[in-house]
C-alpha atoms as a PDB file:
ATOM      1  CA  MET A   1      -5.007  10.858  11.229  1.00  0.00           C
ATOM      2  CA  VAL A   2      -3.083   7.610  11.517  1.00  0.00           C
ATOM      3  CA  THR A   3      -4.716   4.203  11.269  1.00  0.00           C
ATOM      4  CA  ILE A   4      -2.625   1.186  12.174  1.00  0.00           C
ATOM      5  CA  THR A   5      -3.750  -2.283  11.224  1.00  0.00           C
ATOM      6  CA  ASP A   6      -2.406  -5.801  10.871  1.00  0.00           C
ATOM      7  CA  ILE A   7      -1.628  -6.337   7.200  1.00  0.00           C
ATOM      8  CA  SER A   8       0.153  -9.638   7.686  1.00  0.00           C
ATOM      9  CA  LYS A   9      -2.690 -11.420   5.932  1.00  0.00           C
ATOM     10  CA  ALA A  10      -3.693 -10.750   2.349  1.00  0.00           C
ATOM     11  CA  CYS A  11      -7.110  -9.430   3.364  1.00  0.00           C
ATOM     12  CA  GLY A  12      -5.611  -6.963   5.866  1.00  0.00           C
ATOM     13  CA  VAL A  13      -4.668  -4.328   3.280  1.00  0.00           C
ATOM     14  CA  SER A  14      -8.066  -4.467   1.604  1.00  0.00           C
ATOM     15  CA  ARG A  15      -9.865  -4.291   4.948  1.00  0.00           C
ATOM     16  CA  ALA A  16      -7.750  -1.343   6.111  1.00  0.00           C
ATOM     17  CA  THR A  17      -8.227   0.532   2.837  1.00  0.00           C
ATOM     18  CA  ARG A  18     -11.997  -0.047   2.936  1.00  0.00           C
ATOM     19  CA  ALA A  19     -12.103   1.234   6.537  1.00  0.00           C
ATOM     20  CA  LEU A  20     -10.279   4.410   5.542  1.00  0.00           C
ATOM     21  CA  LEU A  21     -12.603   4.965   2.580  1.00  0.00           C
ATOM     22  CA  ALA A  22     -15.651   4.493   4.828  1.00  0.00           C
ATOM     23  CA  LEU A  23     -14.652   7.303   7.200  1.00  0.00           C
ATOM     24  CA  PRO A  24     -16.949  10.343   7.233  1.00  0.00           C
ATOM     25  CA  GLU A  25     -13.973  12.461   6.163  1.00  0.00           C
ATOM     26  CA  ARG A  26     -12.078  10.286   3.709  1.00  0.00           C
ATOM     27  CA  PRO A  27      -8.307  10.792   3.748  1.00  0.00           C
ATOM     28  CA  THR A  28      -6.628  12.542   0.840  1.00  0.00           C
ATOM     29  CA  CYS A  29      -3.564  10.282   1.035  1.00  0.00           C
ATOM     30  CA  ILE A  30      -2.882   6.705   2.134  1.00  0.00           C
ATOM     31  CA  PHE A  31       0.573   5.412   3.100  1.00  0.00           C
ATOM     32  CA  TYR A  32       1.385   1.752   2.416  1.00  0.00           C
ATOM     33  CA  PRO A  33       4.504   0.222   4.006  1.00  0.00           C
ATOM     34  CA  ASP A  34       5.674  -1.744   0.952  1.00  0.00           C
ATOM     35  CA  ASP A  35       4.994  -2.559  -2.705  1.00  0.00           C
ATOM     36  CA  LEU A  36       2.725  -5.539  -2.059  1.00  0.00           C
ATOM     37  CA  SER A  37       0.573  -3.524   0.335  1.00  0.00           C
ATOM     38  CA  PHE A  38       0.385  -0.743  -2.239  1.00  0.00           C
ATOM     39  CA  LEU A  39      -0.781  -3.175  -4.933  1.00  0.00           C
ATOM     40  CA  GLY A  40      -3.508  -4.508  -2.647  1.00  0.00           C
ATOM     41  CA  GLY A  41      -4.552  -0.994  -1.704  1.00  0.00           C
ATOM     42  CA  MET A  42      -4.560   0.139  -5.323  1.00  0.00           C
ATOM     43  CA  SER A  43      -6.835  -2.765  -6.207  1.00  0.00           C
ATOM     44  CA  GLU A  44      -9.256  -1.774  -3.444  1.00  0.00           C
ATOM     45  CA  LEU A  45      -9.214   1.865  -4.549  1.00  0.00           C
ATOM     46  CA  GLU A  46     -10.035   0.793  -8.106  1.00  0.00           C
ATOM     47  CA  LYS A  47     -12.948  -1.324  -6.815  1.00  0.00           C
ATOM     48  CA  HIS A  48     -14.336   1.868  -5.290  1.00  0.00           C
ATOM     49  CA  GLY A  49     -13.953   3.731  -8.594  1.00  0.00           C
ATOM     50  CA  LEU A  50     -11.054   5.857  -7.350  1.00  0.00           C
ATOM     51  CA  SER A  51      -7.959   6.578  -9.380  1.00  0.00           C
ATOM     52  CA  ILE A  52      -4.438   7.482  -8.314  1.00  0.00           C
ATOM     53  CA  PRO A  53      -3.519  10.402  -8.199  1.00  0.00           C
ATOM     54  CA  LYS A  54      -6.749  12.043  -9.405  1.00  0.00           C
ATOM     55  CA  ASP A  55      -8.935  10.882  -6.501  1.00  0.00           C
ATOM     56  CA  MET A  56      -6.408   9.666  -3.941  1.00  0.00           C
ATOM     57  CA  SER A  57      -2.743  10.345  -3.285  1.00  0.00           C
ATOM     58  CA  VAL A  58      -0.716   7.297  -2.332  1.00  0.00           C
ATOM     59  CA  VAL A  59       2.729   6.900  -0.777  1.00  0.00           C
ATOM     60  CA  TRP A  60       4.612   3.655  -0.292  1.00  0.00           C
ATOM     61  CA  THR A  61       8.141   2.473   0.312  1.00  0.00           C
ATOM     62  CA  PHE A  62       9.782   0.611  -2.529  1.00  0.00           C
ATOM     63  CA  ARG A  63      11.537  -2.612  -1.659  1.00  0.00           C
ATOM     64  CA  ALA A  64      12.791  -4.255  -4.797  1.00  0.00           C
ATOM     65  CA  VAL A  65      13.330  -7.942  -4.083  1.00  0.00           C
ATOM     66  CA  SER A  66      15.492  -8.377  -7.168  1.00  0.00           C
ATOM     67  CA  SER A  67      17.694  -5.469  -6.079  1.00  0.00           C
ATOM     68  CA  LYS A  68      18.165  -7.026  -2.645  1.00  0.00           C
ATOM     69  CA  ARG A  69      19.162 -10.329  -4.212  1.00  0.00           C
ATOM     70  CA  SER A  70      21.640  -8.605  -6.536  1.00  0.00           C
ATOM     71  CA  PHE A  71      23.082  -6.664  -3.622  1.00  0.00           C
ATOM     72  CA  LYS A  72      23.544  -9.845  -1.559  1.00  0.00           C
ATOM     73  CA  LYS A  73      25.279 -11.535  -4.502  1.00  0.00           C
ATOM     74  CA  GLU A  74      27.668  -8.586  -4.757  1.00  0.00           C
ATOM     75  CA  LEU A  75      28.433  -8.791  -1.041  1.00  0.00           C
ATOM     76  CA  ILE A  76      29.266 -12.495  -1.309  1.00  0.00           C
ATOM     77  CA  LYS A  77      31.749 -11.898  -4.178  1.00  0.00           C
END
């Protein structure tokens, strides 16, 4: 199943995670599009007494801001 939601606001990730956890058949894995979304989702999972990876598998894409800045500096040189 795929659930798409607007996570542009801080509450969006929490709301989406809560909605997934409230489904009759809770997912076994949640995908978050970036690190900040993952952190918000992880917080919501913890509020529900769930741990990663014991109770829920989680996947997210890693976008290191510091790495991007370093890369841009290297390009400018």
